[in-house]
Amino acid sequence: MVGLGGDEATVLAVAAGVEAGSSHPLAEAVLGEAAERGVAALPMTGARVLPGRGVAAVTAAGATAFVGSPRHAEELGGLDAAAREQIAVLEEAGKTVAAVYEGGTLLGLVALRDEPRPDAAAAMAELKDLGIAAVMLTGDNRRTAAAIAASLGMEQKAELLPDDKVTAIRELATQGGLVMVGVGINDAPALAAADVGVAMGSGTDVALETADGALLRNRVTDVAALIRLARATMANIRQNITVALGLKAVFLVTSVLGITGLWIAILANTGATVLVTLNALRLLRFNPEQAG
């Protein structure tokens, strides 16, 4: 918390007031910090999300309060050299910085470090073993994105608005099948544009409604498990098709040539049904969480 046009308590009170009621992880962090410090959120109304920019609300005095990205803050004005320098220092440390405004005046900065999920590194390693490349798409600044991506061993595209994420998804889709995993409102358009959209169980309602599927246990490693299960299912389907059509083809030929009778062909057809059913049941014993 950095106070510029106001003290830290004022900055936190305004930020908590704007973020009140939001389920975004960064909003929850701000509200949690306010509760821990015993700072009451400033009463506000008309909170609205500015996609890719931040959140705005109206104070009891009728002033507009804003909490959001420094890039959008630049458009609003009020970022002097000292503020820019402070933002650069915080971002170099891998932190996400939000500017806090009230009535067009910059009150201060809120710095948060969006830590990767505990199983994120393991999930990236599992995807790599499966021959799948992962790219992080984020609206965060390049410095923060680079720091987090480097710790996970993955590529990144930063400072993306929702429309930019859709463009990135379409570009990546030209390289092959693409799965998009997201949690927030800003991810919804990209989830819809991907070949398969997957939302995390803790994601926003918009993300969950837009995605093709959801990871209810909220574990990143479940992405790799889902892919293993999909591959095992497709392999099973191919085996069943080969067995079923192969037996039918063999007994069709032998029946036409008079080598086997009609009843033998019927029994073979029934046997094929039993075989493919038994083969499909093998998936019940498949453990998608087991690598290899």
C-alpha atoms as a PDB file:
ATOM      1  CA  MET A   1       0.000   0.000   0.000  1.00  0.00           C
ATOM      2  CA  VAL A   2       1.500   3.323  -1.085  1.00  0.00           C
ATOM      3  CA  GLY A   3      -0.115   6.638  -0.194  1.00  0.00           C
ATOM      4  CA  LEU A   4       0.469   9.440  -2.689  1.00  0.00           C
ATOM      5  CA  GLY A   5      -2.462  11.871  -2.576  1.00  0.00           C
ATOM      6  CA  GLY A   6      -3.699  10.436   0.727  1.00  0.00           C
ATOM      7  CA  ASP A   7      -2.603   8.264   3.633  1.00  0.00           C
ATOM      8  CA  GLU A   8      -2.621   4.457   3.419  1.00  0.00           C
ATOM      9  CA  ALA A   9      -5.843   4.107   5.414  1.00  0.00           C
ATOM     10  CA  THR A  10      -7.685   6.396   2.992  1.00  0.00           C
ATOM     11  CA  VAL A  11      -6.301   4.547  -0.017  1.00  0.00           C
ATOM     12  CA  LEU A  12      -7.395   1.212   1.443  1.00  0.00           C
ATOM     13  CA  ALA A  13     -10.849   2.499   2.442  1.00  0.00           C
ATOM     14  CA  VAL A  14     -11.550   3.771  -1.088  1.00  0.00           C
ATOM     15  CA  ALA A  15     -10.157   0.626  -2.729  1.00  0.00           C
ATOM     16  CA  ALA A  16     -12.220  -1.620  -0.441  1.00  0.00           C
ATOM     17  CA  GLY A  17     -15.344   0.446  -1.136  1.00  0.00           C
ATOM     18  CA  VAL A  18     -14.937   0.072  -4.898  1.00  0.00           C
ATOM     19  CA  GLU A  19     -14.142  -3.643  -4.681  1.00  0.00           C
ATOM     20  CA  ALA A  20     -16.905  -4.503  -2.163  1.00  0.00           C
ATOM     21  CA  GLY A  21     -19.044  -7.369  -3.447  1.00  0.00           C
ATOM     22  CA  SER A  22     -16.583  -8.437  -6.143  1.00  0.00           C
ATOM     23  CA  SER A  23     -15.448 -12.077  -6.324  1.00  0.00           C
ATOM     24  CA  HIS A  24     -12.254 -11.283  -8.228  1.00  0.00           C
ATOM     25  CA  PRO A  25      -9.164 -12.686  -6.446  1.00  0.00           C
ATOM     26  CA  LEU A  26      -7.474  -9.272  -6.335  1.00  0.00           C
ATOM     27  CA  ALA A  27     -10.646  -7.700  -4.925  1.00  0.00           C
ATOM     28  CA  GLU A  28     -10.787 -10.375  -2.233  1.00  0.00           C
ATOM     29  CA  ALA A  29      -7.158  -9.605  -1.362  1.00  0.00           C
ATOM     30  CA  VAL A  30      -7.943  -5.889  -0.946  1.00  0.00           C
ATOM     31  CA  LEU A  31     -11.012  -6.599   1.182  1.00  0.00           C
ATOM     32  CA  GLY A  32      -9.041  -9.080   3.274  1.00  0.00           C
ATOM     33  CA  GLU A  33      -6.297  -6.520   3.915  1.00  0.00           C
ATOM     34  CA  ALA A  34      -8.881  -3.910   4.911  1.00  0.00           C
ATOM     35  CA  ALA A  35     -10.485  -6.326   7.366  1.00  0.00           C
ATOM     36  CA  GLU A  36      -7.086  -7.252   8.804  1.00  0.00           C
ATOM     37  CA  ARG A  37      -6.145  -3.607   9.361  1.00  0.00           C
ATOM     38  CA  GLY A  38      -9.589  -2.731  10.719  1.00  0.00           C
ATOM     39  CA  VAL A  39     -10.227  -0.194   7.939  1.00  0.00           C
ATOM     40  CA  ALA A  40     -13.908   0.254   7.034  1.00  0.00           C
ATOM     41  CA  ALA A  41     -14.743   0.321   3.334  1.00  0.00           C
ATOM     42  CA  LEU A  42     -16.007   3.690   2.112  1.00  0.00           C
ATOM     43  CA  PRO A  43     -19.740   3.349   1.217  1.00  0.00           C
ATOM     44  CA  MET A  44     -20.237   3.428  -2.543  1.00  0.00           C
ATOM     45  CA  THR A  45     -22.901   2.710  -5.134  1.00  0.00           C
ATOM     46  CA  GLY A  46     -23.097   1.904  -8.835  1.00  0.00           C
ATOM     47  CA  ALA A  47     -19.989  -0.273  -8.986  1.00  0.00           C
ATOM     48  CA  ARG A  48     -19.209  -1.293 -12.550  1.00  0.00           C
ATOM     49  CA  VAL A  49     -16.465  -3.311 -14.185  1.00  0.00           C
ATOM     50  CA  LEU A  50     -14.401  -1.694 -16.924  1.00  0.00           C
ATOM     51  CA  PRO A  51     -13.161  -4.775 -18.815  1.00  0.00           C
ATOM     52  CA  GLY A  52      -9.388  -4.938 -18.874  1.00  0.00           C
ATOM     53  CA  ARG A  53      -9.104  -1.643 -17.010  1.00  0.00           C
ATOM     54  CA  GLY A  54     -10.527  -1.882 -13.509  1.00  0.00           C
ATOM     55  CA  VAL A  55     -13.588  -1.134 -11.401  1.00  0.00           C
ATOM     56  CA  ALA A  56     -15.346   2.184 -10.811  1.00  0.00           C
ATOM     57  CA  ALA A  57     -18.007   3.260  -8.307  1.00  0.00           C
ATOM     58  CA  VAL A  58     -19.628   6.429  -6.975  1.00  0.00           C
ATOM     59  CA  THR A  59     -18.987   7.710  -3.447  1.00  0.00           C
ATOM     60  CA  ALA A  60     -21.683   9.117  -1.153  1.00  0.00           C
ATOM     61  CA  ALA A  61     -20.418  12.601  -2.080  1.00  0.00           C
ATOM     62  CA  GLY A  62     -21.056  11.880  -5.761  1.00  0.00           C
ATOM     63  CA  ALA A  63     -17.403  11.566  -6.781  1.00  0.00           C
ATOM     64  CA  THR A  64     -16.229   8.754  -9.050  1.00  0.00           C
ATOM     65  CA  ALA A  65     -13.746   6.362  -7.477  1.00  0.00           C
ATOM     66  CA  PHE A  66     -11.624   4.033  -9.572  1.00  0.00           C
ATOM     67  CA  VAL A  67      -9.317   1.109  -8.867  1.00  0.00           C
ATOM     68  CA  GLY A  68      -7.492  -0.315 -11.837  1.00  0.00           C
ATOM     69  CA  SER A  69      -4.515  -0.675 -14.087  1.00  0.00           C
ATOM     70  CA  PRO A  70      -1.831   2.021 -14.279  1.00  0.00           C
ATOM     71  CA  ARG A  71      -2.261   2.003 -18.066  1.00  0.00           C
ATOM     72  CA  HIS A  72      -5.849   3.179 -17.729  1.00  0.00           C
ATOM     73  CA  ALA A  73      -4.786   5.545 -14.960  1.00  0.00           C
ATOM     74  CA  GLU A  74      -2.453   7.196 -17.477  1.00  0.00           C
ATOM     75  CA  GLU A  75      -5.513   7.895 -19.647  1.00  0.00           C
ATOM     76  CA  LEU A  76      -7.260   9.448 -16.654  1.00  0.00           C
ATOM     77  CA  GLY A  77      -4.218  11.611 -15.935  1.00  0.00           C
ATOM     78  CA  GLY A  78      -2.629  12.252 -12.582  1.00  0.00           C
ATOM     79  CA  LEU A  79       0.366   9.911 -12.807  1.00  0.00           C
ATOM     80  CA  ASP A  80       3.398  12.062 -12.158  1.00  0.00           C
ATOM     81  CA  ALA A  81       7.048  11.013 -12.433  1.00  0.00           C
ATOM     82  CA  ALA A  82       7.171   9.853  -8.797  1.00  0.00           C
ATOM     83  CA  ALA A  83       4.101   7.666  -9.249  1.00  0.00           C
ATOM     84  CA  ARG A  84       5.488   6.129 -12.453  1.00  0.00           C
ATOM     85  CA  GLU A  85       8.794   5.405 -10.747  1.00  0.00           C
ATOM     86  CA  GLN A  86       7.035   3.748  -7.803  1.00  0.00           C
ATOM     87  CA  ILE A  87       4.913   1.645 -10.173  1.00  0.00           C
ATOM     88  CA  ALA A  88       8.014   0.513 -12.074  1.00  0.00           C
ATOM     89  CA  VAL A  89       9.744  -0.556  -8.845  1.00  0.00           C
ATOM     90  CA  LEU A  90       6.729  -2.578  -7.687  1.00  0.00           C
ATOM     91  CA  GLU A  91       6.256  -4.224 -11.086  1.00  0.00           C
ATOM     92  CA  GLU A  92       9.920  -5.164 -11.292  1.00  0.00           C
ATOM     93  CA  ALA A  93       9.344  -7.064  -8.045  1.00  0.00           C
ATOM     94  CA  GLY A  94       6.678  -9.127  -9.867  1.00  0.00           C
ATOM     95  CA  LYS A  95       3.714  -7.362  -8.268  1.00  0.00           C
ATOM     96  CA  THR A  96       0.446  -6.289  -9.838  1.00  0.00           C
ATOM     97  CA  VAL A  97      -0.182  -2.591  -9.224  1.00  0.00           C
ATOM     98  CA  ALA A  98      -3.597  -0.940  -9.059  1.00  0.00           C
ATOM     99  CA  ALA A  99      -4.010   2.835  -8.999  1.00  0.00           C
ATOM    100  CA  VAL A 100      -6.656   4.234  -6.634  1.00  0.00           C
ATOM    101  CA  TYR A 101      -8.471   7.419  -7.672  1.00  0.00           C
ATOM    102  CA  GLU A 102     -11.208   9.481  -6.097  1.00  0.00           C
ATOM    103  CA  GLY A 103     -12.728  12.434  -7.904  1.00  0.00           C
ATOM    104  CA  GLY A 104      -9.941  12.401 -10.477  1.00  0.00           C
ATOM    105  CA  THR A 105      -7.196  12.587  -7.845  1.00  0.00           C
ATOM    106  CA  LEU A 106      -4.638   9.819  -7.473  1.00  0.00           C
ATOM    107  CA  LEU A 107      -4.769   8.742  -3.825  1.00  0.00           C
ATOM    108  CA  GLY A 108      -2.199   5.990  -3.998  1.00  0.00           C
ATOM    109  CA  LEU A 109      -1.228   2.561  -5.210  1.00  0.00           C
ATOM    110  CA  VAL A 110      -2.145  -0.932  -4.130  1.00  0.00           C
ATOM    111  CA  ALA A 111       0.456  -3.603  -4.906  1.00  0.00           C
ATOM    112  CA  LEU A 112      -0.533  -7.268  -4.934  1.00  0.00           C
ATOM    113  CA  ARG A 113       1.449 -10.319  -5.875  1.00  0.00           C
ATOM    114  CA  ASP A 114      -0.713 -12.788  -7.743  1.00  0.00           C
ATOM    115  CA  GLU A 115       1.014 -16.016  -6.704  1.00  0.00           C
ATOM    116  CA  PRO A 116       0.665 -19.097  -8.930  1.00  0.00           C
ATOM    117  CA  ARG A 117      -1.542 -21.844  -7.526  1.00  0.00           C
ATOM    118  CA  PRO A 118       0.426 -24.393  -5.447  1.00  0.00           C
ATOM    119  CA  ASP A 119       0.072 -27.062  -8.136  1.00  0.00           C
ATOM    120  CA  ALA A 120       0.704 -24.762 -11.121  1.00  0.00           C
ATOM    121  CA  ALA A 121       4.372 -25.723 -11.600  1.00  0.00           C
ATOM    122  CA  ALA A 122       3.519 -29.437 -11.432  1.00  0.00           C
ATOM    123  CA  ALA A 123       0.697 -28.905 -13.930  1.00  0.00           C
ATOM    124  CA  MET A 124       3.033 -27.186 -16.411  1.00  0.00           C
ATOM    125  CA  ALA A 125       5.523 -30.061 -16.090  1.00  0.00           C
ATOM    126  CA  GLU A 126       2.762 -32.613 -16.743  1.00  0.00           C
ATOM    127  CA  LEU A 127       1.550 -30.722 -19.811  1.00  0.00           C
ATOM    128  CA  LYS A 128       5.103 -30.575 -21.140  1.00  0.00           C
ATOM    129  CA  ASP A 129       5.424 -34.350 -20.685  1.00  0.00           C
ATOM    130  CA  LEU A 130       2.220 -34.724 -22.717  1.00  0.00           C
ATOM    131  CA  GLY A 131       3.791 -32.691 -25.528  1.00  0.00           C
ATOM    132  CA  ILE A 132       1.527 -29.700 -24.938  1.00  0.00           C
ATOM    133  CA  ALA A 133       2.823 -26.124 -24.923  1.00  0.00           C
ATOM    134  CA  ALA A 134       1.283 -23.648 -22.459  1.00  0.00           C
ATOM    135  CA  VAL A 135       0.999 -19.888 -22.915  1.00  0.00           C
ATOM    136  CA  MET A 136      -0.206 -17.476 -20.226  1.00  0.00           C
ATOM    137  CA  LEU A 137      -2.546 -14.722 -21.436  1.00  0.00           C
ATOM    138  CA  THR A 138      -2.924 -11.914 -18.923  1.00  0.00           C
ATOM    139  CA  GLY A 139      -3.990  -8.327 -18.596  1.00  0.00           C
ATOM    140  CA  ASP A 140      -1.155  -7.743 -16.130  1.00  0.00           C
ATOM    141  CA  ASN A 141       1.885  -5.688 -17.026  1.00  0.00           C
ATOM    142  CA  ARG A 142       4.790  -7.312 -18.861  1.00  0.00           C
ATOM    143  CA  ARG A 143       7.175  -7.227 -15.893  1.00  0.00           C
ATOM    144  CA  THR A 144       4.804  -9.100 -13.578  1.00  0.00           C
ATOM    145  CA  ALA A 145       3.772 -11.548 -16.300  1.00  0.00           C
ATOM    146  CA  ALA A 146       7.401 -12.296 -17.182  1.00  0.00           C
ATOM    147  CA  ALA A 147       8.296 -12.955 -13.535  1.00  0.00           C
ATOM    148  CA  ILE A 148       5.418 -15.396 -12.995  1.00  0.00           C
ATOM    149  CA  ALA A 149       5.791 -17.115 -16.377  1.00  0.00           C
ATOM    150  CA  ALA A 150       9.513 -17.627 -15.813  1.00  0.00           C
ATOM    151  CA  SER A 151       8.837 -19.340 -12.474  1.00  0.00           C
ATOM    152  CA  LEU A 152       6.491 -21.771 -14.246  1.00  0.00           C
ATOM    153  CA  GLY A 153       8.597 -22.330 -17.346  1.00  0.00           C
ATOM    154  CA  MET A 154       5.991 -21.113 -19.812  1.00  0.00           C
ATOM    155  CA  GLU A 155       5.521 -18.392 -22.417  1.00  0.00           C
ATOM    156  CA  GLN A 156       3.385 -15.318 -21.791  1.00  0.00           C
ATOM    157  CA  LYS A 157       1.490 -12.558 -23.549  1.00  0.00           C
ATOM    158  CA  ALA A 158       0.808  -9.595 -21.269  1.00  0.00           C
ATOM    159  CA  GLU A 159      -1.176  -6.349 -21.123  1.00  0.00           C
ATOM    160  CA  LEU A 160      -4.084  -7.900 -23.022  1.00  0.00           C
ATOM    161  CA  LEU A 161      -7.609  -6.533 -23.040  1.00  0.00           C
ATOM    162  CA  PRO A 162     -10.451  -9.083 -23.492  1.00  0.00           C
ATOM    163  CA  ASP A 163     -10.476  -8.503 -27.258  1.00  0.00           C
ATOM    164  CA  ASP A 164      -6.700  -8.924 -27.347  1.00  0.00           C
ATOM    165  CA  LYS A 165      -7.057 -12.317 -25.670  1.00  0.00           C
ATOM    166  CA  VAL A 166      -9.506 -13.393 -28.377  1.00  0.00           C
ATOM    167  CA  THR A 167      -7.016 -12.297 -31.049  1.00  0.00           C
ATOM    168  CA  ALA A 168      -4.231 -14.224 -29.299  1.00  0.00           C
ATOM    169  CA  ILE A 169      -6.447 -17.330 -29.064  1.00  0.00           C
ATOM    170  CA  ARG A 170      -7.179 -17.210 -32.793  1.00  0.00           C
ATOM    171  CA  GLU A 171      -3.492 -16.830 -33.611  1.00  0.00           C
ATOM    172  CA  LEU A 172      -2.522 -19.771 -31.385  1.00  0.00           C
ATOM    173  CA  ALA A 173      -5.354 -21.896 -32.799  1.00  0.00           C
ATOM    174  CA  THR A 174      -3.655 -21.828 -36.209  1.00  0.00           C
ATOM    175  CA  GLN A 175      -0.917 -24.035 -34.712  1.00  0.00           C
ATOM    176  CA  GLY A 176      -3.345 -26.832 -33.762  1.00  0.00           C
ATOM    177  CA  GLY A 177      -6.121 -27.721 -31.323  1.00  0.00           C
ATOM    178  CA  LEU A 178      -6.353 -25.251 -28.459  1.00  0.00           C
ATOM    179  CA  VAL A 179      -7.756 -25.400 -24.932  1.00  0.00           C
ATOM    180  CA  MET A 180      -8.335 -22.167 -23.004  1.00  0.00           C
ATOM    181  CA  VAL A 181      -8.470 -22.301 -19.200  1.00  0.00           C
ATOM    182  CA  GLY A 182      -9.824 -19.197 -17.471  1.00  0.00           C
ATOM    183  CA  VAL A 183     -11.539 -17.896 -14.352  1.00  0.00           C
ATOM    184  CA  GLY A 184     -12.584 -14.264 -14.814  1.00  0.00           C
ATOM    185  CA  ILE A 185     -15.016 -12.069 -16.695  1.00  0.00           C
ATOM    186  CA  ASN A 186     -12.199 -10.921 -18.981  1.00  0.00           C
ATOM    187  CA  ASP A 187     -11.541 -14.553 -19.947  1.00  0.00           C
ATOM    188  CA  ALA A 188     -15.099 -15.246 -21.153  1.00  0.00           C
ATOM    189  CA  PRO A 189     -14.663 -14.056 -24.786  1.00  0.00           C
ATOM    190  CA  ALA A 190     -11.437 -16.081 -25.118  1.00  0.00           C
ATOM    191  CA  LEU A 191     -13.118 -19.165 -23.614  1.00  0.00           C
ATOM    192  CA  ALA A 192     -15.825 -18.891 -26.267  1.00  0.00           C
ATOM    193  CA  ALA A 193     -13.279 -18.433 -29.070  1.00  0.00           C
ATOM    194  CA  ALA A 194     -11.125 -21.449 -28.135  1.00  0.00           C
ATOM    195  CA  ASP A 195     -11.667 -24.936 -29.544  1.00  0.00           C
ATOM    196  CA  VAL A 196     -12.421 -26.014 -25.975  1.00  0.00           C
ATOM    197  CA  GLY A 197     -13.042 -23.595 -23.125  1.00  0.00           C
ATOM    198  CA  VAL A 198     -12.471 -24.801 -19.566  1.00  0.00           C
ATOM    199  CA  ALA A 199     -13.320 -22.754 -16.466  1.00  0.00           C
ATOM    200  CA  MET A 200     -11.903 -23.293 -13.008  1.00  0.00           C
ATOM    201  CA  GLY A 201     -14.474 -24.161 -10.349  1.00  0.00           C
ATOM    202  CA  SER A 202     -13.753 -20.929  -8.467  1.00  0.00           C
ATOM    203  CA  GLY A 203     -14.274 -18.841 -11.598  1.00  0.00           C
ATOM    204  CA  THR A 204     -16.898 -16.158 -12.141  1.00  0.00           C
ATOM    205  CA  ASP A 205     -20.416 -17.103 -13.231  1.00  0.00           C
ATOM    206  CA  VAL A 206     -19.771 -15.597 -16.673  1.00  0.00           C
ATOM    207  CA  ALA A 207     -16.697 -17.794 -17.199  1.00  0.00           C
ATOM    208  CA  LEU A 208     -18.493 -20.927 -15.982  1.00  0.00           C
ATOM    209  CA  GLU A 209     -21.477 -20.291 -18.260  1.00  0.00           C
ATOM    210  CA  THR A 210     -19.305 -19.577 -21.306  1.00  0.00           C
ATOM    211  CA  ALA A 211     -16.901 -22.516 -20.951  1.00  0.00           C
ATOM    212  CA  ASP A 212     -17.498 -25.952 -22.449  1.00  0.00           C
ATOM    213  CA  GLY A 213     -16.482 -27.594 -19.187  1.00  0.00           C
ATOM    214  CA  ALA A 214     -15.312 -26.852 -15.658  1.00  0.00           C
ATOM    215  CA  LEU A 215     -12.653 -28.208 -13.291  1.00  0.00           C
ATOM    216  CA  LEU A 216     -14.782 -28.559 -10.176  1.00  0.00           C
ATOM    217  CA  ARG A 217     -11.908 -29.531  -7.871  1.00  0.00           C
ATOM    218  CA  ASN A 218     -10.174 -26.270  -8.794  1.00  0.00           C
ATOM    219  CA  ARG A 219      -6.779 -27.901  -9.384  1.00  0.00           C
ATOM    220  CA  VAL A 220      -4.568 -26.908 -12.302  1.00  0.00           C
ATOM    221  CA  THR A 221      -3.204 -30.466 -12.538  1.00  0.00           C
ATOM    222  CA  ASP A 222      -6.727 -31.552 -13.509  1.00  0.00           C
ATOM    223  CA  VAL A 223      -6.100 -29.957 -16.924  1.00  0.00           C
ATOM    224  CA  ALA A 224      -3.473 -32.604 -17.684  1.00  0.00           C
ATOM    225  CA  ALA A 225      -5.707 -35.295 -16.172  1.00  0.00           C
ATOM    226  CA  LEU A 226      -8.561 -34.194 -18.443  1.00  0.00           C
ATOM    227  CA  ILE A 227      -6.320 -34.467 -21.501  1.00  0.00           C
ATOM    228  CA  ARG A 228      -5.102 -37.946 -20.464  1.00  0.00           C
ATOM    229  CA  LEU A 229      -8.699 -39.099 -20.047  1.00  0.00           C
ATOM    230  CA  ALA A 230      -9.679 -37.640 -23.419  1.00  0.00           C
ATOM    231  CA  ARG A 231      -6.765 -39.367 -25.153  1.00  0.00           C
ATOM    232  CA  ALA A 232      -7.528 -42.704 -23.449  1.00  0.00           C
ATOM    233  CA  THR A 233     -11.192 -42.399 -24.456  1.00  0.00           C
ATOM    234  CA  MET A 234     -10.340 -41.667 -28.097  1.00  0.00           C
ATOM    235  CA  ALA A 235      -7.903 -44.616 -28.191  1.00  0.00           C
ATOM    236  CA  ASN A 236     -10.644 -46.854 -26.768  1.00  0.00           C
ATOM    237  CA  ILE A 237     -13.130 -45.650 -29.366  1.00  0.00           C
ATOM    238  CA  ARG A 238     -10.685 -46.380 -32.199  1.00  0.00           C
ATOM    239  CA  GLN A 239     -10.070 -49.877 -30.821  1.00  0.00           C
ATOM    240  CA  ASN A 240     -13.811 -50.561 -30.603  1.00  0.00           C
ATOM    241  CA  ILE A 241     -14.440 -49.354 -34.133  1.00  0.00           C
ATOM    242  CA  THR A 242     -11.588 -51.528 -35.446  1.00  0.00           C
ATOM    243  CA  VAL A 243     -12.866 -54.627 -33.616  1.00  0.00           C
ATOM    244  CA  ALA A 244     -16.515 -54.130 -34.565  1.00  0.00           C
ATOM    245  CA  LEU A 245     -15.972 -53.320 -38.236  1.00  0.00           C
ATOM    246  CA  GLY A 246     -13.172 -55.871 -38.572  1.00  0.00           C
ATOM    247  CA  LEU A 247     -15.314 -58.775 -37.349  1.00  0.00           C
ATOM    248  CA  LYS A 248     -18.252 -57.685 -39.474  1.00  0.00           C
ATOM    249  CA  ALA A 249     -16.044 -57.447 -42.561  1.00  0.00           C
ATOM    250  CA  VAL A 250     -14.484 -60.885 -41.953  1.00  0.00           C
ATOM    251  CA  PHE A 251     -17.784 -62.698 -41.454  1.00  0.00           C
ATOM    252  CA  LEU A 252     -19.458 -60.796 -44.273  1.00  0.00           C
ATOM    253  CA  VAL A 253     -16.839 -62.135 -46.666  1.00  0.00           C
ATOM    254  CA  THR A 254     -16.842 -65.682 -45.231  1.00  0.00           C
ATOM    255  CA  SER A 255     -20.644 -65.813 -45.256  1.00  0.00           C
ATOM    256  CA  VAL A 256     -20.831 -64.670 -48.878  1.00  0.00           C
ATOM    257  CA  LEU A 257     -18.227 -67.277 -49.845  1.00  0.00           C
ATOM    258  CA  GLY A 258     -20.124 -69.951 -47.941  1.00  0.00           C
ATOM    259  CA  ILE A 259     -17.306 -70.647 -45.503  1.00  0.00           C
ATOM    260  CA  THR A 260     -19.434 -69.761 -42.455  1.00  0.00           C
ATOM    261  CA  GLY A 261     -23.161 -69.939 -41.976  1.00  0.00           C
ATOM    262  CA  LEU A 262     -25.596 -67.162 -41.152  1.00  0.00           C
ATOM    263  CA  TRP A 263     -25.907 -68.158 -37.487  1.00  0.00           C
ATOM    264  CA  ILE A 264     -22.149 -68.014 -37.021  1.00  0.00           C
ATOM    265  CA  ALA A 265     -22.130 -64.493 -38.475  1.00  0.00           C
ATOM    266  CA  ILE A 266     -24.946 -63.452 -36.112  1.00  0.00           C
ATOM    267  CA  LEU A 267     -23.069 -64.879 -33.129  1.00  0.00           C
ATOM    268  CA  ALA A 268     -19.919 -63.080 -34.261  1.00  0.00           C
ATOM    269  CA  ASN A 269     -21.856 -59.803 -34.459  1.00  0.00           C
ATOM    270  CA  THR A 270     -23.157 -60.350 -30.920  1.00  0.00           C
ATOM    271  CA  GLY A 271     -19.657 -61.243 -29.770  1.00  0.00           C
ATOM    272  CA  ALA A 272     -18.328 -58.016 -31.251  1.00  0.00           C
ATOM    273  CA  THR A 273     -20.876 -56.067 -29.210  1.00  0.00           C
ATOM    274  CA  VAL A 274     -19.756 -57.844 -26.044  1.00  0.00           C
ATOM    275  CA  LEU A 275     -16.069 -57.224 -26.837  1.00  0.00           C
ATOM    276  CA  VAL A 276     -16.441 -53.497 -27.447  1.00  0.00           C
ATOM    277  CA  THR A 277     -18.554 -53.144 -24.304  1.00  0.00           C
ATOM    278  CA  LEU A 278     -15.938 -54.913 -22.189  1.00  0.00           C
ATOM    279  CA  ASN A 279     -13.199 -52.830 -23.768  1.00  0.00           C
ATOM    280  CA  ALA A 280     -15.091 -49.597 -22.984  1.00  0.00           C
ATOM    281  CA  LEU A 281     -15.548 -50.718 -19.371  1.00  0.00           C
ATOM    282  CA  ARG A 282     -11.748 -50.737 -19.002  1.00  0.00           C
ATOM    283  CA  LEU A 283     -11.935 -46.934 -18.792  1.00  0.00           C
ATOM    284  CA  LEU A 284     -13.547 -47.303 -15.367  1.00  0.00           C
ATOM    285  CA  ARG A 285     -10.165 -48.480 -14.088  1.00  0.00           C
ATOM    286  CA  PHE A 286      -8.221 -45.734 -15.871  1.00  0.00           C
ATOM    287  CA  ASN A 287      -6.581 -43.212 -13.524  1.00  0.00           C
ATOM    288  CA  PRO A 288      -6.164 -39.902 -15.404  1.00  0.00           C
ATOM    289  CA  GLU A 289      -4.136 -38.411 -12.543  1.00  0.00           C
ATOM    290  CA  GLN A 290      -1.384 -40.957 -13.071  1.00  0.00           C
ATOM    291  CA  ALA A 291       1.243 -39.697 -15.487  1.00  0.00           C
ATOM    292  CA  GLY A 292       2.634 -42.089 -18.057  1.00  0.00           C
END
